[in-house]
PDB file of all heavy atoms in Angstrom:
ATOM      1  N   HIS A   1      93.596  97.264 123.876  1.00  0.00           N
ATOM      2  CA  HIS A   1      92.310  96.756 123.398  1.00  0.00           C
ATOM      3  C   HIS A   1      91.294  96.818 124.548  1.00  0.00           C
ATOM      4  O   HIS A   1      91.663  96.628 125.712  1.00  0.00           O
ATOM      5  CB  HIS A   1      92.488  95.302 122.930  1.00  0.00           C
ATOM      6  CG  HIS A   1      91.327  94.757 122.194  1.00  0.00           C
ATOM      7  ND1 HIS A   1      90.210  94.279 122.834  1.00  0.00           N
ATOM      8  CD2 HIS A   1      91.099  94.609 120.876  1.00  0.00           C
ATOM      9  CE1 HIS A   1      89.346  93.850 121.936  1.00  0.00           C
ATOM     10  NE2 HIS A   1      89.862  94.040 120.729  1.00  0.00           N
ATOM     11  N   PRO A   2      90.021  97.078 124.261  1.00  0.00           N
ATOM     12  CA  PRO A   2      89.016  97.157 125.342  1.00  0.00           C
ATOM     13  C   PRO A   2      88.997  95.928 126.250  1.00  0.00           C
ATOM     14  O   PRO A   2      88.755  96.046 127.458  1.00  0.00           O
ATOM     15  CB  PRO A   2      87.692  97.301 124.589  1.00  0.00           C
ATOM     16  CG  PRO A   2      88.050  97.900 123.280  1.00  0.00           C
ATOM     17  CD  PRO A   2      89.423  97.376 122.949  1.00  0.00           C
ATOM     18  N   LEU A   3      89.267  94.734 125.727  1.00  0.00           N
ATOM     19  CA  LEU A   3      89.237  93.544 126.561  1.00  0.00           C
ATOM     20  C   LEU A   3      90.438  93.448 127.492  1.00  0.00           C
ATOM     21  O   LEU A   3      90.380  92.767 128.506  1.00  0.00           O
ATOM     22  CB  LEU A   3      89.118  92.285 125.709  1.00  0.00           C
ATOM     23  CG  LEU A   3      87.674  91.870 125.431  1.00  0.00           C
ATOM     24  CD1 LEU A   3      86.995  92.801 124.474  1.00  0.00           C
ATOM     25  CD2 LEU A   3      87.591  90.460 124.977  1.00  0.00           C
ATOM     26  N   ALA A   4      91.534  94.125 127.172  1.00  0.00           N
ATOM     27  CA  ALA A   4      92.732  94.079 128.015  1.00  0.00           C
ATOM     28  C   ALA A   4      92.425  94.566 129.436  1.00  0.00           C
ATOM     29  O   ALA A   4      93.003  94.078 130.404  1.00  0.00           O
ATOM     30  CB  ALA A   4      93.848  94.915 127.405  1.00  0.00           C
ATOM     31  N   TYR A   5      91.501  95.504 129.541  1.00  0.00           N
ATOM     32  CA  TYR A   5      91.146  96.060 130.851  1.00  0.00           C
ATOM     33  C   TYR A   5      90.380  95.058 131.715  1.00  0.00           C
ATOM     34  O   TYR A   5      90.214  95.278 132.909  1.00  0.00           O
ATOM     35  CB  TYR A   5      90.311  97.332 130.674  1.00  0.00           C
ATOM     36  CG  TYR A   5      91.057  98.419 129.937  1.00  0.00           C
ATOM     37  CD1 TYR A   5      90.811  98.671 128.592  1.00  0.00           C
ATOM     38  CD2 TYR A   5      92.032  99.175 130.580  1.00  0.00           C
ATOM     39  CE1 TYR A   5      91.509  99.661 127.903  1.00  0.00           C
ATOM     40  CE2 TYR A   5      92.736 100.161 129.905  1.00  0.00           C
ATOM     41  CZ  TYR A   5      92.465 100.397 128.559  1.00  0.00           C
ATOM     42  OH  TYR A   5      93.166 101.366 127.891  1.00  0.00           O
ATOM     43  N   HIS A   6      89.930  93.961 131.118  1.00  0.00           N
ATOM     44  CA  HIS A   6      89.133  92.969 131.841  1.00  0.00           C
ATOM     45  C   HIS A   6      89.821  91.603 131.925  1.00  0.00           C
ATOM     46  O   HIS A   6      89.245  90.660 132.454  1.00  0.00           O
ATOM     47  CB  HIS A   6      87.771  92.798 131.139  1.00  0.00           C
ATOM     48  CG  HIS A   6      87.011  94.076 131.024  1.00  0.00           C
ATOM     49  ND1 HIS A   6      86.221  94.570 132.037  1.00  0.00           N
ATOM     50  CD2 HIS A   6      86.952  94.982 130.025  1.00  0.00           C
ATOM     51  CE1 HIS A   6      85.698  95.719 131.657  1.00  0.00           C
ATOM     52  NE2 HIS A   6      86.133  95.994 130.442  1.00  0.00           N
ATOM     53  N   ARG A   7      91.043  91.488 131.390  1.00  0.00           N
ATOM     54  CA  ARG A   7      91.693  90.177 131.290  1.00  0.00           C
ATOM     55  C   ARG A   7      91.854  89.495 132.637  1.00  0.00           C
ATOM     56  O   ARG A   7      91.649  88.281 132.758  1.00  0.00           O
ATOM     57  CB  ARG A   7      93.053  90.297 130.584  1.00  0.00           C
ATOM     58  CG  ARG A   7      93.780  88.968 130.394  1.00  0.00           C
ATOM     59  CD  ARG A   7      93.002  87.898 129.677  1.00  0.00           C
ATOM     60  NE  ARG A   7      92.542  88.312 128.372  1.00  0.00           N
ATOM     61  CZ  ARG A   7      91.573  87.694 127.698  1.00  0.00           C
ATOM     62  NH1 ARG A   7      90.971  86.634 128.196  1.00  0.00           N
ATOM     63  NH2 ARG A   7      91.200  88.135 126.515  1.00  0.00           N
ATOM     64  N   ALA A   8      92.215  90.217 133.686  1.00  0.00           N
ATOM     65  CA  ALA A   8      92.403  89.579 135.001  1.00  0.00           C
ATOM     66  C   ALA A   8      91.097  88.936 135.466  1.00  0.00           C
ATOM     67  O   ALA A   8      91.092  87.790 135.931  1.00  0.00           O
ATOM     68  CB  ALA A   8      92.906  90.592 136.019  1.00  0.00           C
ATOM     69  N   ALA A   9      89.993  89.646 135.321  1.00  0.00           N
ATOM     70  CA  ALA A   9      88.688  89.092 135.720  1.00  0.00           C
ATOM     71  C   ALA A   9      88.307  87.917 134.824  1.00  0.00           C
ATOM     72  O   ALA A   9      87.751  86.914 135.293  1.00  0.00           O
ATOM     73  CB  ALA A   9      87.608  90.170 135.670  1.00  0.00           C
ATOM     74  N   PHE A  10      88.602  88.019 133.529  1.00  0.00           N
ATOM     75  CA  PHE A  10      88.304  86.917 132.610  1.00  0.00           C
ATOM     76  C   PHE A  10      89.087  85.672 133.012  1.00  0.00           C
ATOM     77  O   PHE A  10      88.546  84.570 133.039  1.00  0.00           O
ATOM     78  CB  PHE A  10      88.663  87.288 131.166  1.00  0.00           C
ATOM     79  CG  PHE A  10      87.758  88.302 130.536  1.00  0.00           C
ATOM     80  CD1 PHE A  10      88.189  88.993 129.416  1.00  0.00           C
ATOM     81  CD2 PHE A  10      86.497  88.576 131.026  1.00  0.00           C
ATOM     82  CE1 PHE A  10      87.372  89.928 128.789  1.00  0.00           C
ATOM     83  CE2 PHE A  10      85.672  89.511 130.421  1.00  0.00           C
ATOM     84  CZ  PHE A  10      86.110  90.184 129.299  1.00  0.00           C
ATOM     85  N   ARG A  11      90.367  85.840 133.285  1.00  0.00           N
ATOM     86  CA  ARG A  11      91.191  84.688 133.688  1.00  0.00           C
ATOM     87  C   ARG A  11      90.633  84.051 134.956  1.00  0.00           C
ATOM     88  O   ARG A  11      90.555  82.831 135.055  1.00  0.00           O
ATOM     89  CB  ARG A  11      92.636  85.117 133.927  1.00  0.00           C
ATOM     90  CG  ARG A  11      93.366  85.455 132.660  1.00  0.00           C
ATOM     91  CD  ARG A  11      94.589  84.574 132.463  1.00  0.00           C
ATOM     92  NE  ARG A  11      95.295  84.984 131.270  1.00  0.00           N
ATOM     93  CZ  ARG A  11      95.178  84.374 130.100  1.00  0.00           C
ATOM     94  NH1 ARG A  11      94.389  83.349 129.958  1.00  0.00           N
ATOM     95  NH2 ARG A  11      95.848  84.796 129.060  1.00  0.00           N
ATOM     96  N   GLN A  12      90.256  84.884 135.896  1.00  0.00           N
ATOM     97  CA  GLN A  12      89.701  84.375 137.155  1.00  0.00           C
ATOM     98  C   GLN A  12      88.411  83.593 136.902  1.00  0.00           C
ATOM     99  O   GLN A  12      88.123  82.622 137.585  1.00  0.00           O
ATOM    100  CB  GLN A  12      89.446  85.530 138.120  1.00  0.00           C
ATOM    101  CG  GLN A  12      89.149  85.093 139.525  1.00  0.00           C
ATOM    102  CD  GLN A  12      89.137  86.271 140.487  1.00  0.00           C
ATOM    103  OE1 GLN A  12      88.961  87.415 140.092  1.00  0.00           O
ATOM    104  NE2 GLN A  12      89.309  85.974 141.756  1.00  0.00           N
ATOM    105  N   ALA A  13      87.649  83.991 135.883  1.00  0.00           N
ATOM    106  CA  ALA A  13      86.392  83.316 135.544  1.00  0.00           C
ATOM    107  C   ALA A  13      86.608  82.116 134.614  1.00  0.00           C
ATOM    108  O   ALA A  13      85.648  81.461 134.218  1.00  0.00           O
ATOM    109  CB  ALA A  13      85.434  84.312 134.900  1.00  0.00           C
ATOM    110  N   GLY A  14      87.860  81.844 134.245  1.00  0.00           N
ATOM    111  CA  GLY A  14      88.164  80.691 133.418  1.00  0.00           C
ATOM    112  C   GLY A  14      88.149  80.935 131.919  1.00  0.00           C
ATOM    113  O   GLY A  14      88.203  79.986 131.138  1.00  0.00           O
ATOM    114  N   LEU A  15      88.080  82.182 131.503  1.00  0.00           N
ATOM    115  CA  LEU A  15      88.113  82.497 130.078  1.00  0.00           C
ATOM    116  C   LEU A  15      89.557  82.558 129.595  1.00  0.00           C
ATOM    117  O   LEU A  15      90.422  83.094 130.289  1.00  0.00           O
ATOM    118  CB  LEU A  15      87.428  83.835 129.793  1.00  0.00           C
ATOM    119  CG  LEU A  15      85.904  83.798 129.709  1.00  0.00           C
ATOM    120  CD1 LEU A  15      85.289  83.730 131.092  1.00  0.00           C
ATOM    121  CD2 LEU A  15      85.391  84.993 128.962  1.00  0.00           C
ATOM    122  N   VAL A  16      89.783  82.025 128.401  1.00  0.00           N
ATOM    123  CA  VAL A  16      91.119  82.036 127.823  1.00  0.00           C
ATOM    124  C   VAL A  16      91.194  83.105 126.736  1.00  0.00           C
ATOM    125  O   VAL A  16      90.175  83.549 126.216  1.00  0.00           O
ATOM    126  CB  VAL A  16      91.511  80.654 127.255  1.00  0.00           C
ATOM    127  CG1 VAL A  16      91.540  79.609 128.358  1.00  0.00           C
ATOM    128  CG2 VAL A  16      90.582  80.226 126.133  1.00  0.00           C
ATOM    129  N   SER A  17      92.405  83.489 126.390  1.00  0.00           N
ATOM    130  CA  SER A  17      92.608  84.479 125.333  1.00  0.00           C
ATOM    131  C   SER A  17      92.742  83.771 123.987  1.00  0.00           C
ATOM    132  O   SER A  17      92.946  82.553 123.919  1.00  0.00           O
ATOM    133  CB  SER A  17      93.871  85.298 125.613  1.00  0.00           C
ATOM    134  OG  SER A  17      95.024  84.498 125.436  1.00  0.00           O
ATOM    135  N   ALA A  18      92.678  84.541 122.918  1.00  0.00           N
ATOM    136  CA  ALA A  18      92.870  83.980 121.576  1.00  0.00           C
ATOM    137  C   ALA A  18      94.245  83.321 121.462  1.00  0.00           C
ATOM    138  O   ALA A  18      94.387  82.250 120.872  1.00  0.00           O
ATOM    139  CB  ALA A  18      92.700  85.079 120.524  1.00  0.00           C
ATOM    140  N   ASP A  19      95.248  83.938 122.040  1.00  0.00           N
ATOM    141  CA  ASP A  19      96.598  83.373 121.999  1.00  0.00           C
ATOM    142  C   ASP A  19      96.676  82.040 122.744  1.00  0.00           C
ATOM    143  O   ASP A  19      97.375  81.127 122.324  1.00  0.00           O
ATOM    144  CB  ASP A  19      97.602  84.376 122.579  1.00  0.00           C
ATOM    145  CG  ASP A  19      99.024  83.879 122.483  1.00  0.00           C
ATOM    146  OD1 ASP A  19      99.470  83.566 121.368  1.00  0.00           O
ATOM    147  OD2 ASP A  19      99.687  83.784 123.533  1.00  0.00           O
ATOM    148  N   ASP A  20      95.946  81.911 123.849  1.00  0.00           N
ATOM    149  CA  ASP A  20      95.951  80.660 124.622  1.00  0.00           C
ATOM    150  C   ASP A  20      95.463  79.476 123.787  1.00  0.00           C
ATOM    151  O   ASP A  20      95.874  78.337 124.024  1.00  0.00           O
ATOM    152  CB  ASP A  20      95.052  80.773 125.855  1.00  0.00           C
ATOM    153  CG  ASP A  20      95.549  81.761 126.886  1.00  0.00           C
ATOM    154  OD1 ASP A  20      96.770  82.016 126.952  1.00  0.00           O
ATOM    155  OD2 ASP A  20      94.703  82.291 127.642  1.00  0.00           O
ATOM    156  N   LEU A  21      94.576  79.728 122.832  1.00  0.00           N
ATOM    157  CA  LEU A  21      93.987  78.645 122.042  1.00  0.00           C
ATOM    158  C   LEU A  21      95.041  77.841 121.295  1.00  0.00           C
ATOM    159  O   LEU A  21      94.858  76.644 121.055  1.00  0.00           O
ATOM    160  CB  LEU A  21      92.967  79.205 121.046  1.00  0.00           C
ATOM    161  CG  LEU A  21      91.769  79.937 121.649  1.00  0.00           C
ATOM    162  CD1 LEU A  21      90.886  80.500 120.543  1.00  0.00           C
ATOM    163  CD2 LEU A  21      90.969  79.043 122.581  1.00  0.00           C
ATOM    164  N   THR A  22      96.155  78.475 120.950  1.00  0.00           N
ATOM    165  CA  THR A  22      97.202  77.785 120.201  1.00  0.00           C
ATOM    166  C   THR A  22      97.917  76.734 121.042  1.00  0.00           C
ATOM    167  O   THR A  22      98.561  75.843 120.491  1.00  0.00           O
ATOM    168  CB  THR A  22      98.247  78.781 119.653  1.00  0.00           C
ATOM    169  OG1 THR A  22      98.908  79.425 120.756  1.00  0.00           O
ATOM    170  CG2 THR A  22      97.587  79.816 118.750  1.00  0.00           C
ATOM    171  N   ARG A  23      97.803  76.832 122.349  1.00  0.00           N
ATOM    172  CA  ARG A  23      98.504  75.913 123.248  1.00  0.00           C
ATOM    173  C   ARG A  23      97.586  74.894 123.910  1.00  0.00           C
ATOM    174  O   ARG A  23      98.044  74.080 124.708  1.00  0.00           O
ATOM    175  CB  ARG A  23      99.247  76.714 124.317  1.00  0.00           C
ATOM    176  CG  ARG A  23     100.389  77.544 123.746  1.00  0.00           C
ATOM    177  CD  ARG A  23     101.148  78.306 124.808  1.00  0.00           C
ATOM    178  NE  ARG A  23     100.384  79.381 125.415  1.00  0.00           N
ATOM    179  CZ  ARG A  23     100.172  80.575 124.870  1.00  0.00           C
ATOM    180  NH1 ARG A  23     100.657  80.845 123.691  1.00  0.00           N
ATOM    181  NH2 ARG A  23      99.480  81.498 125.492  1.00  0.00           N
ATOM    182  N   LEU A  24      96.301  74.939 123.604  1.00  0.00           N
ATOM    183  CA  LEU A  24      95.353  74.005 124.208  1.00  0.00           C
ATOM    184  C   LEU A  24      95.096  72.838 123.268  1.00  0.00           C
ATOM    185  O   LEU A  24      95.129  73.002 122.044  1.00  0.00           O
ATOM    186  CB  LEU A  24      94.046  74.725 124.552  1.00  0.00           C
ATOM    187  CG  LEU A  24      94.183  75.802 125.631  1.00  0.00           C
ATOM    188  CD1 LEU A  24      92.896  76.608 125.751  1.00  0.00           C
ATOM    189  CD2 LEU A  24      94.558  75.173 126.962  1.00  0.00           C
ATOM    190  N   PRO A  25      94.816  71.654 123.826  1.00  0.00           N
ATOM    191  CA  PRO A  25      94.637  70.476 122.975  1.00  0.00           C
ATOM    192  C   PRO A  25      93.306  70.474 122.220  1.00  0.00           C
ATOM    193  O   PRO A  25      92.335  71.124 122.624  1.00  0.00           O
ATOM    194  CB  PRO A  25      94.696  69.318 123.973  1.00  0.00           C
ATOM    195  CG  PRO A  25      94.272  69.907 125.272  1.00  0.00           C
ATOM    196  CD  PRO A  25      94.740  71.338 125.257  1.00  0.00           C
ATOM    197  N   ASN A  26      93.297  69.719 121.128  1.00  0.00           N
ATOM    198  CA  ASN A  26      92.090  69.509 120.342  1.00  0.00           C
ATOM    199  C   ASN A  26      90.973  68.980 121.249  1.00  0.00           C
ATOM    200  O   ASN A  26      91.220  68.168 122.138  1.00  0.00           O
ATOM    201  CB  ASN A  26      92.395  68.508 119.224  1.00  0.00           C
ATOM    202  CG  ASN A  26      91.357  68.513 118.132  1.00  0.00           C
ATOM    203  OD1 ASN A  26      90.655  69.491 117.922  1.00  0.00           O
ATOM    204  ND2 ASN A  26      91.262  67.403 117.424  1.00  0.00           N
ATOM    205  N   HIS A  27      89.771  69.466 121.068  1.00  0.00           N
ATOM    206  CA  HIS A  27      88.564  69.068 121.800  1.00  0.00           C
ATOM    207  C   HIS A  27      88.498  69.611 123.229  1.00  0.00           C
ATOM    208  O   HIS A  27      87.561  69.300 123.952  1.00  0.00           O
ATOM    209  CB  HIS A  27      88.372  67.548 121.805  1.00  0.00           C
ATOM    210  CG  HIS A  27      88.355  66.953 120.439  1.00  0.00           C
ATOM    211  ND1 HIS A  27      87.393  67.252 119.500  1.00  0.00           N
ATOM    212  CD2 HIS A  27      89.216  66.093 119.828  1.00  0.00           C
ATOM    213  CE1 HIS A  27      87.641  66.596 118.383  1.00  0.00           C
ATOM    214  NE2 HIS A  27      88.753  65.888 118.548  1.00  0.00           N
ATOM    215  N   HIS A  28      89.476  70.394 123.645  1.00  0.00           N
ATOM    216  CA  HIS A  28      89.436  71.023 124.969  1.00  0.00           C
ATOM    217  C   HIS A  28      88.267  72.012 124.996  1.00  0.00           C
ATOM    218  O   HIS A  28      88.095  72.818 124.084  1.00  0.00           O
ATOM    219  CB  HIS A  28      90.764  71.745 125.243  1.00  0.00           C
ATOM    220  CG  HIS A  28      90.882  72.331 126.601  1.00  0.00           C
ATOM    221  ND1 HIS A  28      91.243  71.567 127.688  1.00  0.00           N
ATOM    222  CD2 HIS A  28      90.691  73.589 127.055  1.00  0.00           C
ATOM    223  CE1 HIS A  28      91.272  72.345 128.762  1.00  0.00           C
ATOM    224  NE2 HIS A  28      90.930  73.579 128.406  1.00  0.00           N
ATOM    225  N   PHE A  29      87.426  71.956 126.012  1.00  0.00           N
ATOM    226  CA  PHE A  29      86.283  72.862 126.115  1.00  0.00           C
ATOM    227  C   PHE A  29      86.789  74.215 126.606  1.00  0.00           C
ATOM    228  O   PHE A  29      87.476  74.288 127.624  1.00  0.00           O
ATOM    229  CB  PHE A  29      85.240  72.304 127.098  1.00  0.00           C
ATOM    230  CG  PHE A  29      83.912  72.968 126.972  1.00  0.00           C
ATOM    231  CD1 PHE A  29      82.983  72.539 126.041  1.00  0.00           C
ATOM    232  CD2 PHE A  29      83.575  74.033 127.792  1.00  0.00           C
ATOM    233  CE1 PHE A  29      81.742  73.151 125.916  1.00  0.00           C
ATOM    234  CE2 PHE A  29      82.346  74.662 127.678  1.00  0.00           C
ATOM    235  CZ  PHE A  29      81.419  74.218 126.743  1.00  0.00           C
ATOM    236  N   VAL A  30      86.482  75.271 125.855  1.00  0.00           N
ATOM    237  CA  VAL A  30      87.007  76.592 126.181  1.00  0.00           C
ATOM    238  C   VAL A  30      85.896  77.621 126.319  1.00  0.00           C
ATOM    239  O   VAL A  30      84.790  77.454 125.797  1.00  0.00           O
ATOM    240  CB  VAL A  30      88.016  77.092 125.112  1.00  0.00           C
ATOM    241  CG1 VAL A  30      89.238  76.189 125.062  1.00  0.00           C
ATOM    242  CG2 VAL A  30      87.381  77.213 123.745  1.00  0.00           C
ATOM    243  N   HIS A  31      86.231  78.688 127.029  1.00  0.00           N
ATOM    244  CA  HIS A  31      85.400  79.887 127.152  1.00  0.00           C
ATOM    245  C   HIS A  31      86.279  81.049 126.706  1.00  0.00           C
ATOM    246  O   HIS A  31      87.373  81.220 127.236  1.00  0.00           O
ATOM    247  CB  HIS A  31      84.990  80.134 128.612  1.00  0.00           C
ATOM    248  CG  HIS A  31      84.206  79.040 129.233  1.00  0.00           C
ATOM    249  ND1 HIS A  31      84.776  77.889 129.711  1.00  0.00           N
ATOM    250  CD2 HIS A  31      82.879  78.936 129.467  1.00  0.00           C
ATOM    251  CE1 HIS A  31      83.837  77.117 130.220  1.00  0.00           C
ATOM    252  NE2 HIS A  31      82.680  77.724 130.073  1.00  0.00           N
ATOM    253  N   VAL A  32      85.798  81.823 125.717  1.00  0.00           N
ATOM    254  CA  VAL A  32      86.545  82.985 125.239  1.00  0.00           C
ATOM    255  C   VAL A  32      85.626  84.198 125.187  1.00  0.00           C
ATOM    256  O   VAL A  32      84.414  84.063 125.044  1.00  0.00           O
ATOM    257  CB  VAL A  32      87.175  82.764 123.844  1.00  0.00           C
ATOM    258  CG1 VAL A  32      88.194  81.656 123.871  1.00  0.00           C
ATOM    259  CG2 VAL A  32      86.127  82.516 122.800  1.00  0.00           C
ATOM    260  N   ALA A  33      86.235  85.361 125.296  1.00  0.00           N
ATOM    261  CA  ALA A  33      85.500  86.615 125.144  1.00  0.00           C
ATOM    262  C   ALA A  33      86.166  87.397 124.036  1.00  0.00           C
ATOM    263  O   ALA A  33      87.382  87.327 123.851  1.00  0.00           O
ATOM    264  CB  ALA A  33      85.536  87.415 126.449  1.00  0.00           C
ATOM    265  N   GLY A  34      85.364  88.147 123.288  1.00  0.00           N
ATOM    266  CA  GLY A  34      85.958  88.942 122.235  1.00  0.00           C
ATOM    267  C   GLY A  34      85.007  89.945 121.635  1.00  0.00           C
ATOM    268  O   GLY A  34      83.802  89.930 121.881  1.00  0.00           O
ATOM    269  N   CYS A  35      85.584  90.805 120.840  1.00  0.00           N
ATOM    270  CA  CYS A  35      84.858  91.799 120.069  1.00  0.00           C
ATOM    271  C   CYS A  35      84.592  91.182 118.698  1.00  0.00           C
ATOM    272  O   CYS A  35      85.522  90.697 118.053  1.00  0.00           O
ATOM    273  CB  CYS A  35      85.731  93.044 119.929  1.00  0.00           C
ATOM    274  SG  CYS A  35      85.097  94.257 118.782  1.00  0.00           S
ATOM    275  N   VAL A  36      83.345  91.176 118.266  1.00  0.00           N
ATOM    276  CA  VAL A  36      83.013  90.593 116.971  1.00  0.00           C
ATOM    277  C   VAL A  36      83.487  91.550 115.876  1.00  0.00           C
ATOM    278  O   VAL A  36      82.973  92.658 115.755  1.00  0.00           O
ATOM    279  CB  VAL A  36      81.496  90.339 116.840  1.00  0.00           C
ATOM    280  CG1 VAL A  36      81.190  89.738 115.467  1.00  0.00           C
ATOM    281  CG2 VAL A  36      80.995  89.433 117.954  1.00  0.00           C
ATOM    282  N   ILE A  37      84.486  91.097 115.111  1.00  0.00           N
ATOM    283  CA  ILE A  37      85.004  91.940 114.034  1.00  0.00           C
ATOM    284  C   ILE A  37      84.521  91.478 112.667  1.00  0.00           C
ATOM    285  O   ILE A  37      84.619  92.222 111.694  1.00  0.00           O
ATOM    286  CB  ILE A  37      86.543  92.050 114.064  1.00  0.00           C
ATOM    287  CG1 ILE A  37      87.201  90.697 113.903  1.00  0.00           C
ATOM    288  CG2 ILE A  37      86.993  92.754 115.341  1.00  0.00           C
ATOM    289  CD1 ILE A  37      88.708  90.768 113.674  1.00  0.00           C
TER     290      ILE A  37
END
């Protein structure tokens, strides 16, 4: 996926992946990047 090439930089900047959202608590403030489908 186009975002896979940027995941290391995203992680370093504090962005989480869609999969990470399943393990984070309710009301946790998140930053995500994605392709609008």
